[in-house]
PDB file of N, CA and C in Angstrom:
ATOM      1  N   MET A   1     -92.852 163.629 318.223  1.00  0.00           N
ATOM      2  CA  MET A   1     -92.340 163.260 316.921  1.00  0.00           C
ATOM      3  C   MET A   1     -93.346 162.318 316.264  1.00  0.00           C
ATOM      4  N   GLU A   2     -93.613 162.584 315.014  1.00  0.00           N
ATOM      5  CA  GLU A   2     -94.518 161.743 314.235  1.00  0.00           C
ATOM      6  C   GLU A   2     -93.756 160.553 313.664  1.00  0.00           C
ATOM      7  N   SER A   3     -94.485 159.512 313.314  1.00  0.00           N
ATOM      8  CA  SER A   3     -93.853 158.308 312.765  1.00  0.00           C
ATOM      9  C   SER A   3     -93.028 158.606 311.525  1.00  0.00           C
ATOM     10  N   GLN A   4     -93.542 159.452 310.624  1.00  0.00           N
ATOM     11  CA  GLN A   4     -92.812 159.771 309.392  1.00  0.00           C
ATOM     12  C   GLN A   4     -91.479 160.440 309.690  1.00  0.00           C
ATOM     13  N   GLU A   5     -91.467 161.329 310.673  1.00  0.00           N
ATOM     14  CA  GLU A   5     -90.216 161.989 311.063  1.00  0.00           C
ATOM     15  C   GLU A   5     -89.229 160.978 311.623  1.00  0.00           C
ATOM     16  N   ALA A   6     -89.723 160.053 312.430  1.00  0.00           N
ATOM     17  CA  ALA A   6     -88.855 159.026 313.009  1.00  0.00           C
ATOM     18  C   ALA A   6     -88.279 158.139 311.912  1.00  0.00           C
ATOM     19  N   VAL A   7     -89.103 157.768 310.957  1.00  0.00           N
ATOM     20  CA  VAL A   7     -88.634 156.937 309.847  1.00  0.00           C
ATOM     21  C   VAL A   7     -87.556 157.671 309.067  1.00  0.00           C
ATOM     22  N   ARG A   8     -87.764 158.951 308.786  1.00  0.00           N
ATOM     23  CA  ARG A   8     -86.775 159.743 308.043  1.00  0.00           C
ATOM     24  C   ARG A   8     -85.444 159.811 308.803  1.00  0.00           C
ATOM     25  N   ALA A   9     -85.516 160.017 310.116  1.00  0.00           N
ATOM     26  CA  ALA A   9     -84.298 160.081 310.934  1.00  0.00           C
ATOM     27  C   ALA A   9     -83.601 158.730 310.983  1.00  0.00           C
ATOM     28  N   LEU A  10     -84.361 157.675 311.174  1.00  0.00           N
ATOM     29  CA  LEU A  10     -83.761 156.348 311.232  1.00  0.00           C
ATOM     30  C   LEU A  10     -83.166 155.940 309.888  1.00  0.00           C
ATOM     31  N   GLU A  11     -83.822 156.312 308.793  1.00  0.00           N
ATOM     32  CA  GLU A  11     -83.267 156.052 307.460  1.00  0.00           C
ATOM     33  C   GLU A  11     -81.928 156.761 307.291  1.00  0.00           C
ATOM     34  N   ALA A  12     -81.854 157.995 307.761  1.00  0.00           N
ATOM     35  CA  ALA A  12     -80.609 158.756 307.634  1.00  0.00           C
ATOM     36  C   ALA A  12     -79.488 158.107 308.437  1.00  0.00           C
ATOM     37  N   LEU A  13     -79.805 157.557 309.578  1.00  0.00           N
ATOM     38  CA  LEU A  13     -78.791 156.955 310.432  1.00  0.00           C
ATOM     39  C   LEU A  13     -78.452 155.518 310.041  1.00  0.00           C
ATOM     40  N   ALA A  14     -79.246 154.936 309.150  1.00  0.00           N
ATOM     41  CA  ALA A  14     -79.063 153.531 308.777  1.00  0.00           C
ATOM     42  C   ALA A  14     -78.022 153.366 307.671  1.00  0.00           C
ATOM     43  N   GLN A  15     -76.975 154.135 307.756  1.00  0.00           N
ATOM     44  CA  GLN A  15     -75.873 154.052 306.796  1.00  0.00           C
ATOM     45  C   GLN A  15     -74.605 154.378 307.582  1.00  0.00           C
ATOM     46  N   GLU A  16     -73.579 153.565 307.423  1.00  0.00           N
ATOM     47  CA  GLU A  16     -72.405 153.652 308.285  1.00  0.00           C
ATOM     48  C   GLU A  16     -71.738 155.033 308.296  1.00  0.00           C
ATOM     49  N   SER A  17     -71.532 155.628 307.126  1.00  0.00           N
ATOM     50  CA  SER A  17     -70.872 156.944 307.088  1.00  0.00           C
ATOM     51  C   SER A  17     -71.729 158.019 307.741  1.00  0.00           C
ATOM     52  N   ARG A  18     -73.033 158.008 307.467  1.00  0.00           N
ATOM     53  CA  ARG A  18     -73.904 159.023 308.075  1.00  0.00           C
ATOM     54  C   ARG A  18     -73.975 158.849 309.576  1.00  0.00           C
ATOM     55  N   LEU A  19     -74.042 157.607 310.036  1.00  0.00           N
ATOM     56  CA  LEU A  19     -74.048 157.375 311.479  1.00  0.00           C
ATOM     57  C   LEU A  19     -72.751 157.888 312.089  1.00  0.00           C
ATOM     58  N   GLY A  20     -71.639 157.646 311.418  1.00  0.00           N
ATOM     59  CA  GLY A  20     -70.349 158.138 311.906  1.00  0.00           C
ATOM     60  C   GLY A  20     -70.284 159.654 311.949  1.00  0.00           C
ATOM     61  N   VAL A  21     -70.790 160.304 310.901  1.00  0.00           N
ATOM     62  CA  VAL A  21     -70.812 161.766 310.865  1.00  0.00           C
ATOM     63  C   VAL A  21     -71.683 162.299 311.995  1.00  0.00           C
ATOM     64  N   PHE A  22     -72.850 161.703 312.179  1.00  0.00           N
ATOM     65  CA  PHE A  22     -73.746 162.170 313.237  1.00  0.00           C
ATOM     66  C   PHE A  22     -73.092 162.012 314.602  1.00  0.00           C
ATOM     67  N   ARG A  23     -72.468 160.872 314.852  1.00  0.00           N
ATOM     68  CA  ARG A  23     -71.806 160.655 316.139  1.00  0.00           C
ATOM     69  C   ARG A  23     -70.672 161.658 316.345  1.00  0.00           C
ATOM     70  N   LEU A  24     -69.945 161.957 315.283  1.00  0.00           N
ATOM     71  CA  LEU A  24     -68.867 162.946 315.352  1.00  0.00           C
ATOM     72  C   LEU A  24     -69.428 164.316 315.732  1.00  0.00           C
ATOM     73  N   LEU A  25     -70.548 164.684 315.126  1.00  0.00           N
ATOM     74  CA  LEU A  25     -71.153 165.986 315.425  1.00  0.00           C
ATOM     75  C   LEU A  25     -71.736 166.029 316.834  1.00  0.00           C
ATOM     76  N   VAL A  26     -72.268 164.919 317.299  1.00  0.00           N
ATOM     77  CA  VAL A  26     -72.756 164.857 318.685  1.00  0.00           C
ATOM     78  C   VAL A  26     -71.576 165.065 319.631  1.00  0.00           C
ATOM     79  N   GLU A  27     -70.472 164.410 319.334  1.00  0.00           N
ATOM     80  CA  GLU A  27     -69.270 164.549 320.150  1.00  0.00           C
ATOM     81  C   GLU A  27     -68.752 165.991 320.144  1.00  0.00           C
ATOM     82  N   ALA A  28     -68.874 166.670 319.002  1.00  0.00           N
ATOM     83  CA  ALA A  28     -68.384 168.047 318.875  1.00  0.00           C
ATOM     84  C   ALA A  28     -69.220 169.037 319.679  1.00  0.00           C
ATOM     85  N   GLY A  29     -70.436 168.664 320.027  1.00  0.00           N
ATOM     86  CA  GLY A  29     -71.295 169.546 320.805  1.00  0.00           C
ATOM     87  C   GLY A  29     -71.918 170.649 319.968  1.00  0.00           C
ATOM     88  N   SER A  30     -72.426 171.654 320.639  1.00  0.00           N
ATOM     89  CA  SER A  30     -73.178 172.710 319.958  1.00  0.00           C
ATOM     90  C   SER A  30     -72.307 173.579 319.058  1.00  0.00           C
ATOM     91  N   GLU A  31     -70.993 173.582 319.263  1.00  0.00           N
ATOM     92  CA  GLU A  31     -70.105 174.356 318.383  1.00  0.00           C
ATOM     93  C   GLU A  31     -70.092 173.807 316.972  1.00  0.00           C
ATOM     94  N   GLY A  32     -70.241 172.498 316.841  1.00  0.00           N
ATOM     95  CA  GLY A  32     -70.232 171.871 315.538  1.00  0.00           C
ATOM     96  C   GLY A  32     -68.843 171.812 314.935  1.00  0.00           C
ATOM     97  N   LEU A  33     -68.793 171.416 313.674  1.00  0.00           N
ATOM     98  CA  LEU A  33     -67.527 171.284 312.954  1.00  0.00           C
ATOM     99  C   LEU A  33     -67.683 171.789 311.531  1.00  0.00           C
ATOM    100  N   PRO A  34     -66.629 172.385 310.981  1.00  0.00           N
ATOM    101  CA  PRO A  34     -66.675 172.773 309.575  1.00  0.00           C
ATOM    102  C   PRO A  34     -66.650 171.524 308.689  1.00  0.00           C
ATOM    103  N   ALA A  35     -67.237 171.631 307.520  1.00  0.00           N
ATOM    104  CA  ALA A  35     -67.331 170.501 306.603  1.00  0.00           C
ATOM    105  C   ALA A  35     -65.957 169.901 306.303  1.00  0.00           C
ATOM    106  N   GLY A  36     -64.949 170.737 306.121  1.00  0.00           N
ATOM    107  CA  GLY A  36     -63.611 170.242 305.827  1.00  0.00           C
ATOM    108  C   GLY A  36     -63.056 169.367 306.917  1.00  0.00           C
ATOM    109  N   ARG A  37     -63.290 169.739 308.157  1.00  0.00           N
ATOM    110  CA  ARG A  37     -62.795 168.941 309.281  1.00  0.00           C
ATOM    111  C   ARG A  37     -63.544 167.612 309.366  1.00  0.00           C
ATOM    112  N   ILE A  38     -64.852 167.654 309.088  1.00  0.00           N
ATOM    113  CA  ILE A  38     -65.632 166.408 309.086  1.00  0.00           C
ATOM    114  C   ILE A  38     -65.070 165.467 308.022  1.00  0.00           C
ATOM    115  N   ALA A  39     -64.793 166.004 306.832  1.00  0.00           N
ATOM    116  CA  ALA A  39     -64.248 165.192 305.739  1.00  0.00           C
ATOM    117  C   ALA A  39     -62.918 164.566 306.138  1.00  0.00           C
ATOM    118  N   GLU A  40     -62.059 165.343 306.771  1.00  0.00           N
ATOM    119  CA  GLU A  40     -60.765 164.830 307.219  1.00  0.00           C
ATOM    120  C   GLU A  40     -60.938 163.717 308.244  1.00  0.00           C
ATOM    121  N   ARG A  41     -61.752 163.979 309.259  1.00  0.00           N
ATOM    122  CA  ARG A  41     -61.924 163.012 310.354  1.00  0.00           C
ATOM    123  C   ARG A  41     -62.590 161.727 309.866  1.00  0.00           C
ATOM    124  N   MET A  42     -63.519 161.865 308.917  1.00  0.00           N
ATOM    125  CA  MET A  42     -64.249 160.692 308.425  1.00  0.00           C
ATOM    126  C   MET A  42     -63.576 160.055 307.212  1.00  0.00           C
ATOM    127  N   LYS A  43     -62.537 160.729 306.697  1.00  0.00           N
ATOM    128  CA  LYS A  43     -61.837 160.241 305.501  1.00  0.00           C
ATOM    129  C   LYS A  43     -62.805 160.034 304.334  1.00  0.00           C
ATOM    130  N   LEU A  44     -63.628 161.064 304.100  1.00  0.00           N
ATOM    131  CA  LEU A  44     -64.606 161.023 303.023  1.00  0.00           C
ATOM    132  C   LEU A  44     -64.299 162.119 302.007  1.00  0.00           C
ATOM    133  N   PRO A  45     -64.411 161.815 300.711  1.00  0.00           N
ATOM    134  CA  PRO A  45     -64.244 162.866 299.706  1.00  0.00           C
ATOM    135  C   PRO A  45     -65.395 163.875 299.804  1.00  0.00           C
ATOM    136  N   GLY A  46     -65.126 165.109 299.394  1.00  0.00           N
ATOM    137  CA  GLY A  46     -66.105 166.192 299.501  1.00  0.00           C
ATOM    138  C   GLY A  46     -67.487 165.873 298.953  1.00  0.00           C
ATOM    139  N   PRO A  47     -67.599 165.395 297.708  1.00  0.00           N
ATOM    140  CA  PRO A  47     -68.933 165.112 297.167  1.00  0.00           C
ATOM    141  C   PRO A  47     -69.699 164.050 297.959  1.00  0.00           C
ATOM    142  N   THR A  48     -68.987 163.037 298.426  1.00  0.00           N
ATOM    143  CA  THR A  48     -69.631 161.991 299.227  1.00  0.00           C
ATOM    144  C   THR A  48     -70.120 162.566 300.548  1.00  0.00           C
ATOM    145  N   LEU A  49     -69.267 163.360 301.190  1.00  0.00           N
ATOM    146  CA  LEU A  49     -69.654 163.977 302.450  1.00  0.00           C
ATOM    147  C   LEU A  49     -70.855 164.897 302.245  1.00  0.00           C
ATOM    148  N   SER A  50     -70.848 165.684 301.184  1.00  0.00           N
ATOM    149  CA  SER A  50     -71.970 166.592 300.908  1.00  0.00           C
ATOM    150  C   SER A  50     -73.280 165.828 300.806  1.00  0.00           C
ATOM    151  N   PHE A  51     -73.240 164.690 300.126  1.00  0.00           N
ATOM    152  CA  PHE A  51     -74.444 163.851 299.998  1.00  0.00           C
ATOM    153  C   PHE A  51     -74.927 163.406 301.375  1.00  0.00           C
ATOM    154  N   HIS A  52     -74.018 162.895 302.199  1.00  0.00           N
ATOM    155  CA  HIS A  52     -74.404 162.406 303.522  1.00  0.00           C
ATOM    156  C   HIS A  52     -74.901 163.540 304.419  1.00  0.00           C
ATOM    157  N   LEU A  53     -74.242 164.689 304.362  1.00  0.00           N
ATOM    158  CA  LEU A  53     -74.693 165.831 305.165  1.00  0.00           C
ATOM    159  C   LEU A  53     -76.090 166.278 304.730  1.00  0.00           C
ATOM    160  N   ALA A  54     -76.354 166.255 303.431  1.00  0.00           N
ATOM    161  CA  ALA A  54     -77.686 166.638 302.936  1.00  0.00           C
ATOM    162  C   ALA A  54     -78.754 165.687 303.465  1.00  0.00           C
ATOM    163  N   GLN A  55     -78.449 164.395 303.503  1.00  0.00           N
ATOM    164  CA  GLN A  55     -79.404 163.417 304.014  1.00  0.00           C
ATOM    165  C   GLN A  55     -79.677 163.649 305.504  1.00  0.00           C
ATOM    166  N   LEU A  56     -78.633 163.889 306.266  1.00  0.00           N
ATOM    167  CA  LEU A  56     -78.805 164.142 307.700  1.00  0.00           C
ATOM    168  C   LEU A  56     -79.556 165.454 307.945  1.00  0.00           C
ATOM    169  N   LYS A  57     -79.258 166.449 307.145  1.00  0.00           N
ATOM    170  CA  LYS A  57     -79.946 167.742 307.282  1.00  0.00           C
ATOM    171  C   LYS A  57     -81.426 167.590 306.945  1.00  0.00           C
ATOM    172  N   HIS A  58     -81.718 166.866 305.865  1.00  0.00           N
ATOM    173  CA  HIS A  58     -83.118 166.634 305.464  1.00  0.00           C
ATOM    174  C   HIS A  58     -83.897 165.909 306.562  1.00  0.00           C
ATOM    175  N   SER A  59     -83.217 165.043 307.295  1.00  0.00           N
ATOM    176  CA  SER A  59     -83.879 164.290 308.363  1.00  0.00           C
ATOM    177  C   SER A  59     -84.126 165.149 309.597  1.00  0.00           C
ATOM    178  N   GLY A  60     -83.477 166.315 309.669  1.00  0.00           N
ATOM    179  CA  GLY A  60     -83.626 167.185 310.830  1.00  0.00           C
ATOM    180  C   GLY A  60     -82.655 166.885 311.954  1.00  0.00           C
ATOM    181  N   LEU A  61     -81.738 165.933 311.742  1.00  0.00           N
ATOM    182  CA  LEU A  61     -80.804 165.557 312.803  1.00  0.00           C
ATOM    183  C   LEU A  61     -79.606 166.481 312.903  1.00  0.00           C
ATOM    184  N   ILE A  62     -79.321 167.242 311.850  1.00  0.00           N
ATOM    185  CA  ILE A  62     -78.225 168.212 311.907  1.00  0.00           C
ATOM    186  C   ILE A  62     -78.687 169.522 311.292  1.00  0.00           C
ATOM    187  N   SER A  63     -77.954 170.570 311.591  1.00  0.00           N
ATOM    188  CA  SER A  63     -78.207 171.876 310.984  1.00  0.00           C
ATOM    189  C   SER A  63     -76.881 172.428 310.490  1.00  0.00           C
ATOM    190  N   CYS A  64     -76.977 173.491 309.716  1.00  0.00           N
ATOM    191  CA  CYS A  64     -75.793 174.082 309.107  1.00  0.00           C
ATOM    192  C   CYS A  64     -75.881 175.599 309.235  1.00  0.00           C
ATOM    193  N   ARG A  65     -74.749 176.210 309.513  1.00  0.00           N
ATOM    194  CA  ARG A  65     -74.684 177.673 309.538  1.00  0.00           C
ATOM    195  C   ARG A  65     -73.410 178.096 308.825  1.00  0.00           C
ATOM    196  N   ARG A  66     -73.425 179.291 308.306  1.00  0.00           N
ATOM    197  CA  ARG A  66     -72.258 179.816 307.605  1.00  0.00           C
ATOM    198  C   ARG A  66     -71.483 180.733 308.542  1.00  0.00           C
ATOM    199  N   GLU A  67     -70.179 180.518 308.595  1.00  0.00           N
ATOM    200  CA  GLU A  67     -69.271 181.414 309.313  1.00  0.00           C
ATOM    201  C   GLU A  67     -68.189 181.812 308.324  1.00  0.00           C
ATOM    202  N   GLY A  68     -68.292 183.015 307.806  1.00  0.00           N
ATOM    203  CA  GLY A  68     -67.361 183.460 306.770  1.00  0.00           C
ATOM    204  C   GLY A  68     -67.547 182.604 305.538  1.00  0.00           C
ATOM    205  N   THR A  69     -66.490 181.914 305.133  1.00  0.00           N
ATOM    206  CA  THR A  69     -66.595 181.050 303.960  1.00  0.00           C
ATOM    207  C   THR A  69     -66.810 179.583 304.346  1.00  0.00           C
ATOM    208  N   SER A  70     -66.902 179.305 305.641  1.00  0.00           N
ATOM    209  CA  SER A  70     -67.055 177.916 306.102  1.00  0.00           C
ATOM    210  C   SER A  70     -68.510 177.583 306.399  1.00  0.00           C
ATOM    211  N   LEU A  71     -68.869 176.343 306.116  1.00  0.00           N
ATOM    212  CA  LEU A  71     -70.153 175.805 306.545  1.00  0.00           C
ATOM    213  C   LEU A  71     -69.892 174.963 307.780  1.00  0.00           C
ATOM    214  N   ILE A  72     -70.578 175.309 308.866  1.00  0.00           N
ATOM    215  CA  ILE A  72     -70.409 174.625 310.144  1.00  0.00           C
ATOM    216  C   ILE A  72     -71.657 173.774 310.384  1.00  0.00           C
ATOM    217  N   TYR A  73     -71.432 172.482 310.599  1.00  0.00           N
ATOM    218  CA  TYR A  73     -72.533 171.548 310.832  1.00  0.00           C
ATOM    219  C   TYR A  73     -72.584 171.180 312.304  1.00  0.00           C
ATOM    220  N   SER A  74     -73.804 171.085 312.835  1.00  0.00           N
ATOM    221  CA  SER A  74     -74.018 170.767 314.246  1.00  0.00           C
ATOM    222  C   SER A  74     -75.143 169.752 314.379  1.00  0.00           C
ATOM    223  N   ALA A  75     -75.024 168.905 315.379  1.00  0.00           N
ATOM    224  CA  ALA A  75     -76.107 167.976 315.705  1.00  0.00           C
ATOM    225  C   ALA A  75     -77.274 168.766 316.279  1.00  0.00           C
ATOM    226  N   GLU A  76     -78.457 168.342 315.941  1.00  0.00           N
ATOM    227  CA  GLU A  76     -79.679 168.909 316.513  1.00  0.00           C
ATOM    228  C   GLU A  76     -80.076 168.023 317.695  1.00  0.00           C
ATOM    229  N   PHE A  77     -79.671 168.438 318.883  1.00  0.00           N
ATOM    230  CA  PHE A  77     -79.870 167.605 320.060  1.00  0.00           C
ATOM    231  C   PHE A  77     -81.344 167.437 320.414  1.00  0.00           C
ATOM    232  N   ASP A  78     -82.162 168.448 320.160  1.00  0.00           N
ATOM    233  CA  ASP A  78     -83.598 168.296 320.421  1.00  0.00           C
ATOM    234  C   ASP A  78     -84.184 167.195 319.550  1.00  0.00           C
ATOM    235  N   ALA A  79     -83.796 167.167 318.270  1.00  0.00           N
ATOM    236  CA  ALA A  79     -84.295 166.132 317.357  1.00  0.00           C
ATOM    237  C   ALA A  79     -83.803 164.752 317.790  1.00  0.00           C
ATOM    238  N   MET A  80     -82.547 164.665 318.214  1.00  0.00           N
ATOM    239  CA  MET A  80     -82.000 163.391 318.678  1.00  0.00           C
ATOM    240  C   MET A  80     -82.780 162.906 319.903  1.00  0.00           C
ATOM    241  N   ASN A  81     -83.033 163.804 320.834  1.00  0.00           N
ATOM    242  CA  ASN A  81     -83.767 163.433 322.044  1.00  0.00           C
ATOM    243  C   ASN A  81     -85.213 163.062 321.730  1.00  0.00           C
ATOM    244  N   GLU A  82     -85.816 163.750 320.755  1.00  0.00           N
ATOM    245  CA  GLU A  82     -87.178 163.388 320.341  1.00  0.00           C
ATOM    246  C   GLU A  82     -87.206 161.991 319.751  1.00  0.00           C
ATOM    247  N   LEU A  83     -86.196 161.656 318.955  1.00  0.00           N
ATOM    248  CA  LEU A  83     -86.138 160.330 318.354  1.00  0.00           C
ATOM    249  C   LEU A  83     -85.986 159.259 319.437  1.00  0.00           C
ATOM    250  N   VAL A  84     -85.103 159.487 320.380  1.00  0.00           N
ATOM    251  CA  VAL A  84     -84.926 158.536 321.480  1.00  0.00           C
ATOM    252  C   VAL A  84     -86.230 158.426 322.276  1.00  0.00           C
ATOM    253  N   GLY A  85     -86.869 159.551 322.525  1.00  0.00           N
ATOM    254  CA  GLY A  85     -88.144 159.541 323.240  1.00  0.00           C
ATOM    255  C   GLY A  85     -89.216 158.785 322.485  1.00  0.00           C
ATOM    256  N   PHE A  86     -89.267 158.974 321.173  1.00  0.00           N
ATOM    257  CA  PHE A  86     -90.226 158.263 320.333  1.00  0.00           C
ATOM    258  C   PHE A  86     -89.996 156.761 320.429  1.00  0.00           C
ATOM    259  N   MET A  87     -88.715 156.371 320.400  1.00  0.00           N
ATOM    260  CA  MET A  87     -88.387 154.950 320.426  1.00  0.00           C
ATOM    261  C   MET A  87     -88.704 154.310 321.772  1.00  0.00           C
ATOM    262  N   THR A  88     -88.647 155.066 322.848  1.00  0.00           N
ATOM    263  CA  THR A  88     -88.860 154.494 324.185  1.00  0.00           C
ATOM    264  C   THR A  88     -90.211 154.872 324.788  1.00  0.00           C
ATOM    265  N   GLU A  89     -91.031 155.576 324.032  1.00  0.00           N
ATOM    266  CA  GLU A  89     -92.307 156.097 324.543  1.00  0.00           C
ATOM    267  C   GLU A  89     -93.176 155.019 325.187  1.00  0.00           C
ATOM    268  N   ASN A  90     -93.300 153.882 324.548  1.00  0.00           N
ATOM    269  CA  ASN A  90     -94.163 152.818 325.072  1.00  0.00           C
ATOM    270  C   ASN A  90     -93.347 151.636 325.582  1.00  0.00           C
ATOM    271  N   CYS A  91     -92.181 151.936 326.024  1.00  0.00           N
ATOM    272  CA  CYS A  91     -91.234 150.907 326.433  1.00  0.00           C
ATOM    273  C   CYS A  91     -91.648 150.245 327.738  1.00  0.00           C
ATOM    274  N   CYS A  92     -91.404 148.978 327.819  1.00  0.00           N
ATOM    275  CA  CYS A  92     -91.529 148.215 329.068  1.00  0.00           C
ATOM    276  C   CYS A  92     -92.889 148.402 329.735  1.00  0.00           C
ATOM    277  N   GLY A  93     -93.943 148.260 328.968  1.00  0.00           N
ATOM    278  CA  GLY A  93     -95.284 148.342 329.535  1.00  0.00           C
ATOM    279  C   GLY A  93     -95.602 149.680 330.154  1.00  0.00           C
ATOM    280  N   GLY A  94     -95.060 150.748 329.592  1.00  0.00           N
ATOM    281  CA  GLY A  94     -95.357 152.084 330.091  1.00  0.00           C
ATOM    282  C   GLY A  94     -94.421 152.558 331.196  1.00  0.00           C
ATOM    283  N   ASP A  95     -93.388 151.800 331.501  1.00  0.00           N
ATOM    284  CA  ASP A  95     -92.416 152.198 332.525  1.00  0.00           C
ATOM    285  C   ASP A  95     -91.081 152.505 331.849  1.00  0.00           C
ATOM    286  N   PRO A  96     -90.954 153.713 331.254  1.00  0.00           N
ATOM    287  CA  PRO A  96     -89.749 154.032 330.493  1.00  0.00           C
ATOM    288  C   PRO A  96     -88.463 153.997 331.320  1.00  0.00           C
ATOM    289  N   ALA A  97     -88.562 154.078 332.636  1.00  0.00           N
ATOM    290  CA  ALA A  97     -87.358 154.028 333.461  1.00  0.00           C
ATOM    291  C   ALA A  97     -86.615 152.712 333.263  1.00  0.00           C
ATOM    292  N   GLN A  98     -87.347 151.653 332.940  1.00  0.00           N
ATOM    293  CA  GLN A  98     -86.714 150.359 332.701  1.00  0.00           C
ATOM    294  C   GLN A  98     -85.948 150.354 331.383  1.00  0.00           C
ATOM    295  N   CYS A  99     -86.196 151.319 330.536  1.00  0.00           N
ATOM    296  CA  CYS A  99     -85.551 151.387 329.226  1.00  0.00           C
ATOM    297  C   CYS A  99     -84.365 152.346 329.225  1.00  0.00           C
ATOM    298  N   ALA A 100     -83.920 152.755 330.382  1.00  0.00           N
ATOM    299  CA  ALA A 100     -82.802 153.702 330.447  1.00  0.00           C
ATOM    300  C   ALA A 100     -81.631 153.147 329.649  1.00  0.00           C
ATOM    301  N   PRO A 101     -81.024 153.985 328.819  1.00  0.00           N
ATOM    302  CA  PRO A 101     -79.929 153.494 327.981  1.00  0.00           C
ATOM    303  C   PRO A 101     -78.747 153.026 328.809  1.00  0.00           C
ATOM    304  N   VAL A 102     -78.181 151.935 328.383  1.00  0.00           N
ATOM    305  CA  VAL A 102     -76.970 151.406 328.987  1.00  0.00           C
ATOM    306  C   VAL A 102     -75.897 151.500 327.930  1.00  0.00           C
ATOM    307  N   ARG A 103     -74.865 152.233 328.222  1.00  0.00           N
ATOM    308  CA  ARG A 103     -73.789 152.481 327.252  1.00  0.00           C
ATOM    309  C   ARG A 103     -72.689 151.483 327.490  1.00  0.00           C
ATOM    310  N   LYS A 104     -72.473 150.623 326.511  1.00  0.00           N
ATOM    311  CA  LYS A 104     -71.360 149.684 326.577  1.00  0.00           C
ATOM    312  C   LYS A 104     -70.271 150.208 325.672  1.00  0.00           C
ATOM    313  N   VAL A 105     -69.070 150.316 326.205  1.00  0.00           N
ATOM    314  CA  VAL A 105     -67.939 150.814 325.439  1.00  0.00           C
ATOM    315  C   VAL A 105     -67.294 149.640 324.729  1.00  0.00           C
ATOM    316  N   SER A 106     -67.147 149.761 323.414  1.00  0.00           N
ATOM    317  CA  SER A 106     -66.538 148.687 322.639  1.00  0.00           C
ATOM    318  C   SER A 106     -65.073 148.528 323.011  1.00  0.00           C
ATOM    319  N   ARG A 107     -64.516 147.377 322.699  1.00  0.00           N
ATOM    320  CA  ARG A 107     -63.118 147.112 323.024  1.00  0.00           C
ATOM    321  C   ARG A 107     -62.195 148.116 322.361  1.00  0.00           C
ATOM    322  N   SER A 108     -62.479 148.469 321.104  1.00  0.00           N
ATOM    323  CA  SER A 108     -61.607 149.422 320.416  1.00  0.00           C
ATOM    324  C   SER A 108     -61.626 150.787 321.098  1.00  0.00           C
ATOM    325  N   LYS A 109     -62.780 151.193 321.613  1.00  0.00           N
ATOM    326  CA  LYS A 109     -62.874 152.466 322.332  1.00  0.00           C
ATOM    327  C   LYS A 109     -62.112 152.388 323.649  1.00  0.00           C
ATOM    328  N   ARG A 110     -62.224 151.249 324.344  1.00  0.00           N
ATOM    329  CA  ARG A 110     -61.513 151.087 325.613  1.00  0.00           C
ATOM    330  C   ARG A 110     -60.010 151.162 325.400  1.00  0.00           C
ATOM    331  N   LYS A 111     -59.524 150.513 324.335  1.00  0.00           N
ATOM    332  CA  LYS A 111     -58.102 150.529 324.055  1.00  0.00           C
ATOM    333  C   LYS A 111     -57.617 151.942 323.759  1.00  0.00           C
ATOM    334  N   SER A 112     -58.390 152.687 322.951  1.00  0.00           N
ATOM    335  CA  SER A 112     -57.954 154.045 322.589  1.00  0.00           C
ATOM    336  C   SER A 112     -58.027 154.987 323.781  1.00  0.00           C
ATOM    337  N   ARG A 113     -58.956 154.775 324.687  1.00  0.00           N
ATOM    338  CA  ARG A 113     -59.047 155.616 325.881  1.00  0.00           C
ATOM    339  C   ARG A 113     -57.908 155.318 326.853  1.00  0.00           C
ATOM    340  N   ALA A 114     -57.496 154.058 326.901  1.00  0.00           N
ATOM    341  CA  ALA A 114     -56.435 153.667 327.812  1.00  0.00           C
ATOM    342  C   ALA A 114     -55.083 154.166 327.345  1.00  0.00           C
ATOM    343  N   ALA A 115     -54.939 154.408 326.053  1.00  0.00           N
ATOM    344  CA  ALA A 115     -53.655 154.847 325.492  1.00  0.00           C
ATOM    345  C   ALA A 115     -53.323 156.269 325.851  1.00  0.00           C
TER     346      ALA A 115
END
């Protein structure tokens, strides 16, 4: 991944709604989600969602396919992994194993999982 591509991806993710949409699509897996379902889950009006989806698509982090009359959006996992790789490429003096991601679950997530 080139620096410009990384900047474009990070710019796309540096907005709360777009980050939420991207995380939702990552959670949905390769099947993706129709735009209407994304709007419902994110509580975003159609025009606002369209703007955010366009930004994420332009960054290469998501893709779109048509199924009948629906537009289905999916996370581009290769692009996500390239971005993570770019960010950790020179990590810890050349020992990327020390940069292994540690996932901390927020309190709100713990509460919802326990319910």
